[in-house]
Structure formats: C-alpha cells, structure tokens
Amino acid sequence: MKKRILIGINNLNANSIGISLINLLTNIDYSRYDVDLIFVEAQTTLLNQIPNSVNTIFSPFNGDNIKFFDKLKIYHKYAFSLMYDFGDTKLASLLRKASKNNAVYIHKNFFNIYLVKNKFDEFITEFGVLDFNRLIFANDNLMETFVRDFPQTKSKSFVLDYLVNNERIVKLSNAHIEISKPNNKVLLVAAGTLNDRSRNFSLMIKMMSNLVKMNTHVHLWILGDGPDLVNLKMLVKNLNLDEYITFFGYKTNPYPYMKMADYILSTSESFDSSTTMIEARVLQKPIISTCVDYKNNNTYIVSPDIDVIAKQVNDIILRKVLYNGNSNFWVENQRALKVLDGFIASR
C-alpha cells in the first residue's frame, strides 16, 4: 500500500523555494507514495510544472477551512506531512495535525532577516516551529546556527539537500536570446527577488560604485523583479552606474543570461541555499557571495563590509578564477531522496 504524504507551501512561485519544491516533486517515486500538495495563494506561477501524479489542493484558509479539512479527514491520516515554507500560521497548524510524523523545512537564516533576537523568537513562536516533530534544514550551517540558538532541538534537527534538475537547466541555458555579453568586460550576473531586506541588492550596487573606480572592465546584469526595483534603479542612477549595471526584470528562463556570466554574484545573507547558487554549479560558474553559510570549492566568500567588498571582488577578477571540477547531481539527488525516504518511514 502506498503511503500518503501532505506537503504545504504558501505559494509556488518561481523563487528558490518554489523551484526546489518542483525538483523534489519531480523526483519522488509515485509508485510508493501518494502526494497531496496544498497552497494558500492563488498566484502560483509554477502550477503547470507540478507533476500530474500530485493532487493539488488550493485553500485560501477562510472561515470555512476547518469544515473543509474535516471533510477530507485530514487529521493524522498521512504517513508524513511537510511544511515546505513559512507564510501562513493556519497552514503550519494544519500540517502539524495532518500527521504525527510532521516536519518543517527551513531554507533561510531567519535571524539575519529579523536581526533583533526578540523579533526572531516571536516569529518562531507564531509559526510553532518548535512544535514540529522534526526540523529539516537546507544545509548544515543553517542547522548548526539554529541549534545554537535552540539547543533543545538538536535531537530532532536534520539536513535535506535540495534536489537539482540539472538536465533541464542545461537545456534551457542553450535557448537563444537577443543579447550578447558586453565586449571586453568581466560579466557579473545576479538573480533573485528584488527585496533588499533579504537579498541586499543595494550593497551589490554600492559595491559596483567602488569597483568601477578600480576596474572599468566590469558589468553587472541583475535578473529579477520585486518591491525594491524602483529604489534600486534610482540608486544606480544616483551613483552614475547606468553604464555598468543593466536590469533585465523577471525572466522565466534566466539560464542563457547566467551561462554568459564570468561570475555569479550574491549579496544575500538570509537565502543560504538559493537555487541560484545551485544553478551556478550546474552551469559551472564560480560564485562570489557574502553568505558564509553557502560554501563549496567554487564559492568565494567576500565581506559584506562596503569598505572591503569591492577590493575583494576585484582581486578575484584579476586572478581570473575559473570553475574547478564537476558535480554528480544524480548521486546528490539519490542521496537526498534516501534521506527523505528515511523521514517518511520513521512514522
């Protein structure tokens, strides 16, 4: 008999978390599992990428939602339930009730977002994070940081690496686009939601202001849209950087742009396992990042200090650092699926 799994997410948009969930759903063995996916926001841009074997449930969590889920006989009827991202406290409560074997997937360093310890604690309490039976983290550093603040969670904290659809990324990267790499320029490419609180694009732009004083043979492409787009464009204009920075907006296929990059640049401090970083590995692009939580042999960590970062980035450029080695994503995916199977079996 197949085991039932319930996964909940606020929305399934084309961001790091949404893409990682699509990759997970694509790799699940549906001969062994029946999967229900519940989301609460109608704006779900990746809906057409959900595998046909997944039963999708949309609920805006209005006043009738308790009756709705009672009809589904959802409580403790699943072998495993997973809160894939935070966004709705009612959804978090539902996922805890759906199975005694419940878990929450933590993708970000929330302390870097909330900064103040009591605000961080309020967030943890509001979503009942500590009430989940298992805490799953996207990487080791995230888990270690969280356990340091909440040592009582050590015995129920685990790591599940993101699954990667490398063949899809490579195929899409070969698509033709009507733009070429700037001549005689080192091209930096950054991608993500333009939310400065979490992604810190303003630091990236200010860094470019200092960098071009040392090296005019650089250019930055920024891929993405978000609430701070207008402010970031104004910052570029005020710093006279229009010649050195180009905004492309949201791209359903960012990979041809990333393929042309010499380096992928990230100044995020909270999205510690961004799929952009993983996609850079697939496309064999060195990564320059301020996030110490994301490390591999091709990631070069630079300081978030505005007085230091430009020189460090320029030093990397002058050294002409290249991507080193290959990744076996099939092996990595199989390892992650084995970990997931262990979670489900431990009911």
Protein backbone atom coordinates (compact mmCIF):
# COMPACT_ATOMS: atom_id res chain seq x y z
CA MET A 1 0.00 0.00 0.00
CA LYS A 2 1.29 3.43 -0.95
CA LYS A 3 1.98 5.93 1.82
CA ARG A 4 0.24 9.29 1.82
CA ILE A 5 2.27 12.49 2.04
CA LEU A 6 0.95 16.02 2.55
CA ILE A 7 3.16 18.99 1.62
CA GLY A 8 2.13 22.57 2.34
CA ILE A 9 3.51 25.82 0.93
CA ASN A 10 2.24 29.39 0.94
CA ASN A 11 2.70 29.79 -2.83
CA LEU A 12 4.55 28.01 -5.58
CA ASN A 13 6.28 30.88 -7.33
CA ALA A 14 9.47 30.86 -9.36
CA ASN A 15 11.80 31.61 -6.48
CA SER A 16 14.43 29.46 -4.80
CA ILE A 17 11.96 27.66 -2.55
CA GLY A 18 9.32 27.10 -5.22
CA ILE A 19 11.83 25.72 -7.72
CA SER A 20 13.36 23.44 -5.11
CA LEU A 21 9.92 22.01 -4.31
CA ILE A 22 9.22 21.36 -8.01
CA ASN A 23 12.54 19.49 -8.21
CA LEU A 24 11.56 17.44 -5.15
CA LEU A 25 8.12 16.61 -6.55
CA THR A 26 9.66 15.65 -9.90
CA ASN A 27 11.95 13.09 -8.24
CA ILE A 28 9.50 11.43 -5.81
CA ASP A 29 8.70 7.77 -6.51
CA TYR A 30 4.92 7.81 -7.10
CA SER A 31 4.75 4.05 -7.18
CA ARG A 32 5.40 4.22 -3.43
CA TYR A 33 3.79 7.49 -2.39
CA ASP A 34 0.54 9.41 -2.93
CA VAL A 35 1.26 13.12 -2.59
CA ASP A 36 -1.17 15.92 -1.79
CA LEU A 37 0.12 19.48 -2.20
CA ILE A 38 -1.73 22.33 -0.50
CA PHE A 39 -1.08 26.02 -1.15
CA VAL A 40 -2.93 29.10 0.06
CA GLU A 41 -2.17 31.84 -2.50
CA ALA A 42 -3.79 31.88 -5.94
CA GLN A 43 -0.71 33.45 -7.57
CA THR A 44 1.23 30.27 -8.12
CA THR A 45 3.41 30.66 -11.22
CA LEU A 46 4.85 27.14 -11.20
CA LEU A 47 1.48 25.41 -11.16
CA ASN A 48 1.97 23.94 -14.65
CA GLN A 49 5.23 22.31 -13.57
CA ILE A 50 3.67 20.21 -10.81
CA PRO A 51 3.80 16.53 -11.83
CA ASN A 52 0.42 15.07 -12.84
CA SER A 53 0.71 12.46 -10.08
CA VAL A 54 0.42 15.18 -7.42
CA ASN A 55 -3.06 16.03 -6.09
CA THR A 56 -3.16 19.81 -5.63
CA ILE A 57 -5.40 21.44 -3.03
CA PHE A 58 -5.95 25.20 -3.05
CA SER A 59 -7.32 26.75 0.13
CA PRO A 60 -7.27 30.48 0.97
CA PHE A 61 -7.93 29.50 4.62
CA ASN A 62 -11.16 31.37 5.00
CA GLY A 63 -13.59 30.83 7.86
CA ASP A 64 -14.82 27.53 6.44
CA ASN A 65 -11.41 25.89 6.15
CA ILE A 66 -11.77 23.75 9.30
CA LYS A 67 -15.01 22.21 8.00
CA PHE A 68 -13.34 21.72 4.62
CA PHE A 69 -10.44 19.75 6.06
CA ASP A 70 -12.70 17.78 8.39
CA LYS A 71 -14.47 16.54 5.27
CA LEU A 72 -11.13 15.44 3.88
CA LYS A 73 -10.48 13.51 7.11
CA ILE A 74 -7.04 15.04 7.08
CA TYR A 75 -6.06 14.77 10.73
CA HIS A 76 -3.37 12.16 11.40
CA LYS A 77 -4.23 10.42 8.12
CA TYR A 78 -0.85 10.96 6.48
CA ALA A 79 2.33 8.96 6.86
CA PHE A 80 4.29 12.20 6.63
CA SER A 81 3.45 15.90 6.44
CA LEU A 82 5.90 18.63 5.49
CA MET A 83 5.60 22.40 5.89
CA TYR A 84 7.80 23.44 3.00
CA ASP A 85 7.93 27.16 3.72
CA PHE A 86 6.51 29.67 6.17
CA GLY A 87 3.80 32.12 5.19
CA ASP A 88 0.55 31.13 6.89
CA THR A 89 0.20 30.15 10.54
CA LYS A 90 -3.02 28.20 9.88
CA LEU A 91 -1.26 26.12 7.25
CA ALA A 92 1.56 25.40 9.72
CA SER A 93 -1.00 24.25 12.29
CA LEU A 94 -2.75 22.07 9.72
CA LEU A 95 0.49 20.35 8.70
CA ARG A 96 1.28 19.50 12.32
CA LYS A 97 -2.19 17.94 12.70
CA ALA A 98 -2.10 16.05 9.39
CA SER A 99 0.46 13.53 10.65
CA LYS A 100 2.15 12.61 13.88
CA ASN A 101 5.24 12.33 11.67
CA ASN A 102 5.41 16.01 10.74
CA ALA A 103 8.30 18.26 9.77
CA VAL A 104 9.12 21.80 8.72
CA TYR A 105 11.71 22.63 6.05
CA ILE A 106 13.86 25.66 6.96
CA HIS A 107 15.57 27.30 3.98
CA LYS A 108 16.73 30.61 5.42
CA ASN A 109 18.62 32.10 8.32
CA PHE A 110 15.65 33.93 9.81
CA PHE A 111 17.78 35.63 12.43
CA ASN A 112 19.52 37.52 9.61
CA ILE A 113 16.10 38.72 8.45
CA TYR A 114 14.69 39.74 11.84
CA LEU A 115 18.06 40.82 13.29
CA VAL A 116 16.64 41.52 16.76
CA LYS A 117 16.56 38.39 18.93
CA ASN A 118 13.11 39.01 20.42
CA LYS A 119 11.61 39.51 16.92
CA PHE A 120 13.21 36.25 15.83
CA ASP A 121 11.77 34.48 18.87
CA GLU A 122 8.31 35.93 18.16
CA PHE A 123 8.46 34.54 14.62
CA ILE A 124 9.48 31.08 15.88
CA THR A 125 6.60 31.12 18.38
CA GLU A 126 4.00 32.48 15.92
CA PHE A 127 4.58 29.67 13.44
CA GLY A 128 5.01 26.98 16.08
CA VAL A 129 8.38 25.99 14.62
CA LEU A 130 9.49 24.20 17.77
CA ASP A 131 6.20 22.24 17.86
CA PHE A 132 7.05 20.29 14.70
CA ASN A 133 8.36 16.78 15.38
CA ARG A 134 11.26 17.23 13.02
CA LEU A 135 13.17 20.30 11.81
CA ILE A 136 14.72 19.87 8.38
CA PHE A 137 17.34 22.34 7.13
CA ALA A 138 18.61 23.07 3.65
CA ASN A 139 22.25 22.85 4.72
CA ASP A 140 24.50 22.05 7.66
CA ASN A 141 25.33 25.66 8.52
CA LEU A 142 21.67 26.61 8.81
CA MET A 143 21.06 23.71 11.17
CA GLU A 144 24.11 24.49 13.31
CA THR A 145 23.10 28.15 13.62
CA PHE A 146 19.53 27.28 14.62
CA VAL A 147 20.56 24.58 17.11
CA ARG A 148 22.98 27.02 18.70
CA ASP A 149 20.04 29.34 19.48
CA PHE A 150 17.65 26.49 20.34
CA PRO A 151 19.79 23.64 21.73
CA GLN A 152 16.67 21.69 22.75
CA THR A 153 16.05 21.00 19.03
CA LYS A 154 19.35 19.19 18.40
CA SER A 155 17.92 15.66 18.57
CA LYS A 156 15.17 16.41 16.04
CA SER A 157 17.17 18.51 13.57
CA PHE A 158 18.28 17.10 10.21
CA VAL A 159 19.59 18.24 6.81
CA LEU A 160 17.94 17.58 3.44
CA ASP A 161 19.87 18.94 0.46
CA TYR A 162 17.99 20.49 -2.44
CA LEU A 163 17.36 18.22 -5.40
CA VAL A 164 18.61 19.50 -8.75
CA ASN A 165 17.14 19.13 -12.25
CA ASN A 166 20.48 19.73 -13.97
CA GLU A 167 19.40 18.40 -17.38
CA ARG A 168 16.56 20.94 -17.53
CA ILE A 169 18.86 23.81 -16.57
CA VAL A 170 21.46 22.90 -19.21
CA LYS A 171 18.79 22.54 -21.90
CA LEU A 172 17.19 25.90 -21.08
CA SER A 173 20.59 27.62 -20.94
CA ASN A 174 21.03 26.87 -24.66
CA ALA A 175 17.96 28.89 -25.65
CA HIS A 176 18.66 31.82 -27.97
CA ILE A 177 18.27 35.34 -26.57
CA GLU A 178 18.61 38.69 -28.36
CA ILE A 179 21.50 39.98 -26.30
CA SER A 180 25.22 39.40 -26.19
CA LYS A 181 27.82 39.58 -23.49
CA PRO A 182 29.39 43.05 -23.26
CA ASN A 183 32.66 43.19 -25.20
CA ASN A 184 35.89 43.19 -23.21
CA LYS A 185 34.00 43.13 -19.93
CA VAL A 186 34.01 40.76 -16.99
CA LEU A 187 30.34 39.93 -16.58
CA LEU A 188 28.80 39.54 -13.13
CA VAL A 189 25.24 38.17 -13.02
CA ALA A 190 22.89 38.33 -10.03
CA ALA A 191 19.41 36.83 -9.92
CA GLY A 192 16.62 36.85 -7.37
CA THR A 193 13.64 38.68 -5.95
CA LEU A 194 14.47 42.37 -5.62
CA ASN A 195 13.66 42.54 -1.92
CA ASP A 196 16.52 44.45 -0.36
CA ARG A 197 15.77 43.36 3.18
CA SER A 198 16.63 39.76 2.40
CA ARG A 199 18.73 39.98 -0.77
CA ASN A 200 20.72 43.15 -0.09
CA PHE A 201 20.97 44.27 -3.72
CA SER A 202 21.74 47.81 -2.56
CA LEU A 203 25.05 46.53 -1.16
CA MET A 204 25.80 44.97 -4.55
CA ILE A 205 25.12 48.26 -6.34
CA LYS A 206 27.21 50.28 -3.89
CA MET A 207 29.98 47.72 -4.30
CA MET A 208 29.88 48.30 -8.07
CA SER A 209 30.29 52.02 -7.46
CA ASN A 210 33.59 51.33 -5.71
CA LEU A 211 34.61 48.51 -8.05
CA VAL A 212 34.46 50.59 -11.24
CA LYS A 213 36.88 53.05 -9.69
CA MET A 214 39.41 50.20 -9.63
CA ASN A 215 38.36 48.37 -12.77
CA THR A 216 36.16 49.79 -15.53
CA HIS A 217 36.12 46.48 -17.44
CA VAL A 218 33.22 45.05 -15.45
CA HIS A 219 29.46 44.92 -15.94
CA LEU A 220 26.61 43.66 -13.77
CA TRP A 221 23.38 42.11 -15.00
CA ILE A 222 20.53 41.94 -12.48
CA LEU A 223 17.74 39.46 -13.22
CA GLY A 224 14.54 39.70 -11.23
CA ASP A 225 11.64 41.82 -10.11
CA GLY A 226 10.35 42.79 -6.70
CA PRO A 227 9.19 45.54 -4.36
CA ASP A 228 12.51 47.41 -4.38
CA LEU A 229 13.05 47.56 -8.15
CA VAL A 230 12.29 51.29 -8.44
CA ASN A 231 14.50 52.20 -5.48
CA LEU A 232 17.38 50.09 -6.79
CA LYS A 233 17.15 51.66 -10.24
CA MET A 234 17.19 55.09 -8.60
CA LEU A 235 20.29 54.11 -6.63
CA VAL A 236 22.03 53.09 -9.87
CA LYS A 237 21.10 56.42 -11.43
CA ASN A 238 22.24 58.46 -8.42
CA LEU A 239 25.60 56.66 -8.41
CA ASN A 240 26.03 57.18 -12.17
CA LEU A 241 26.25 53.45 -12.82
CA ASP A 242 23.90 53.13 -15.82
CA GLU A 243 26.91 52.29 -17.98
CA TYR A 244 27.88 49.41 -15.68
CA ILE A 245 24.60 47.87 -14.47
CA THR A 246 21.69 46.52 -16.52
CA PHE A 247 18.32 45.45 -15.10
CA PHE A 248 16.51 42.74 -17.09
CA GLY A 249 13.45 42.24 -14.91
CA TYR A 250 11.92 38.85 -14.19
CA LYS A 251 12.94 36.11 -16.63
CA THR A 252 11.10 32.81 -16.83
CA ASN A 253 14.34 31.41 -18.24
CA PRO A 254 17.35 33.14 -16.62
CA TYR A 255 19.81 30.44 -17.65
CA PRO A 256 21.04 31.86 -21.01
CA TYR A 257 21.98 35.04 -19.14
CA MET A 258 23.71 33.10 -16.37
CA LYS A 259 25.53 30.99 -18.96
CA MET A 260 27.26 34.12 -20.27
CA ALA A 261 28.44 35.15 -16.81
CA ASP A 262 32.03 35.05 -15.70
CA TYR A 263 30.84 35.04 -12.09
CA ILE A 264 27.53 34.67 -10.29
CA LEU A 265 27.23 37.33 -7.60
CA SER A 266 25.14 37.16 -4.41
CA THR A 267 24.98 39.60 -1.51
CA SER A 268 22.15 37.78 0.24
CA GLU A 269 22.65 36.94 3.90
CA SER A 270 19.46 35.00 4.52
CA PHE A 271 18.75 32.80 1.48
CA ASP A 272 21.51 30.41 2.31
CA SER A 273 20.73 27.65 -0.16
CA SER A 274 19.47 29.76 -3.02
CA THR A 275 18.77 27.72 -6.14
CA THR A 276 20.73 30.41 -7.99
CA MET A 277 23.83 29.09 -6.26
CA ILE A 278 22.97 25.53 -7.27
CA GLU A 279 22.21 26.60 -10.83
CA ALA A 280 25.62 28.26 -10.96
CA ARG A 281 27.17 24.89 -10.16
CA VAL A 282 25.19 23.22 -12.95
CA LEU A 283 26.39 25.88 -15.41
CA GLN A 284 29.91 25.63 -13.96
CA LYS A 285 30.15 29.28 -12.94
CA PRO A 286 32.26 30.48 -9.98
CA ILE A 287 30.21 32.14 -7.25
CA ILE A 288 31.10 35.31 -5.35
CA SER A 289 28.98 35.52 -2.21
CA THR A 290 28.77 37.39 1.08
CA CYS A 291 26.89 34.47 2.63
CA VAL A 292 29.23 32.36 4.74
CA ASP A 293 26.53 29.67 5.04
CA TYR A 294 26.93 28.70 1.39
CA LYS A 295 30.30 27.04 0.78
CA ASN A 296 31.80 24.80 -1.84
CA ASN A 297 35.05 24.67 -3.80
CA ASN A 298 33.79 27.21 -6.33
CA THR A 299 32.30 29.77 -3.94
CA TYR A 300 34.46 32.73 -2.99
CA ILE A 301 33.28 34.40 0.20
CA VAL A 302 33.65 38.18 0.39
CA SER A 303 32.92 40.60 3.20
CA PRO A 304 29.55 42.41 3.42
CA ASP A 305 31.55 45.46 4.59
CA ILE A 306 31.12 48.13 1.90
CA ASP A 307 34.66 49.37 2.52
CA VAL A 308 36.15 45.94 1.82
CA ILE A 309 33.97 44.04 -0.64
CA ALA A 310 34.91 45.87 -3.86
CA LYS A 311 38.61 45.22 -3.43
CA GLN A 312 37.96 41.55 -2.68
CA VAL A 313 35.78 41.15 -5.77
CA ASN A 314 38.38 42.90 -7.92
CA ASP A 315 41.12 40.63 -6.57
CA ILE A 316 39.05 37.57 -7.61
CA ILE A 317 38.54 39.06 -11.09
CA LEU A 318 42.23 39.87 -11.53
CA ARG A 319 43.17 36.33 -10.50
CA LYS A 320 40.90 35.08 -13.34
CA VAL A 321 39.43 32.39 -11.11
CA LEU A 322 37.79 29.59 -13.10
CA TYR A 323 35.27 26.91 -12.17
CA ASN A 324 37.05 23.85 -10.83
CA GLY A 325 35.71 20.29 -11.05
CA ASN A 326 32.38 18.65 -11.80
CA SER A 327 29.34 17.73 -9.70
CA ASN A 328 27.48 14.43 -9.89
CA PHE A 329 23.93 15.69 -9.41
CA TRP A 330 22.37 12.25 -9.92
CA VAL A 331 24.31 10.92 -6.93
CA GLU A 332 23.42 14.00 -4.87
CA ASN A 333 19.72 13.62 -5.75
CA GLN A 334 19.69 9.93 -4.85
CA ARG A 335 21.32 10.71 -1.52
CA ALA A 336 18.69 13.36 -0.75
CA LEU A 337 15.83 11.03 -1.74
CA LYS A 338 17.20 8.35 0.56
CA VAL A 339 17.16 10.87 3.42
CA LEU A 340 13.55 11.79 2.57
CA ASP A 341 12.56 8.11 2.48
CA GLY A 342 14.01 7.76 5.97
CA PHE A 343 11.87 10.64 7.24
CA ILE A 344 8.71 9.11 5.78
CA ALA A 345 9.45 5.61 7.08
CA SER A 346 10.03 6.78 10.66
CA ARG A 347 6.35 7.20 11.45
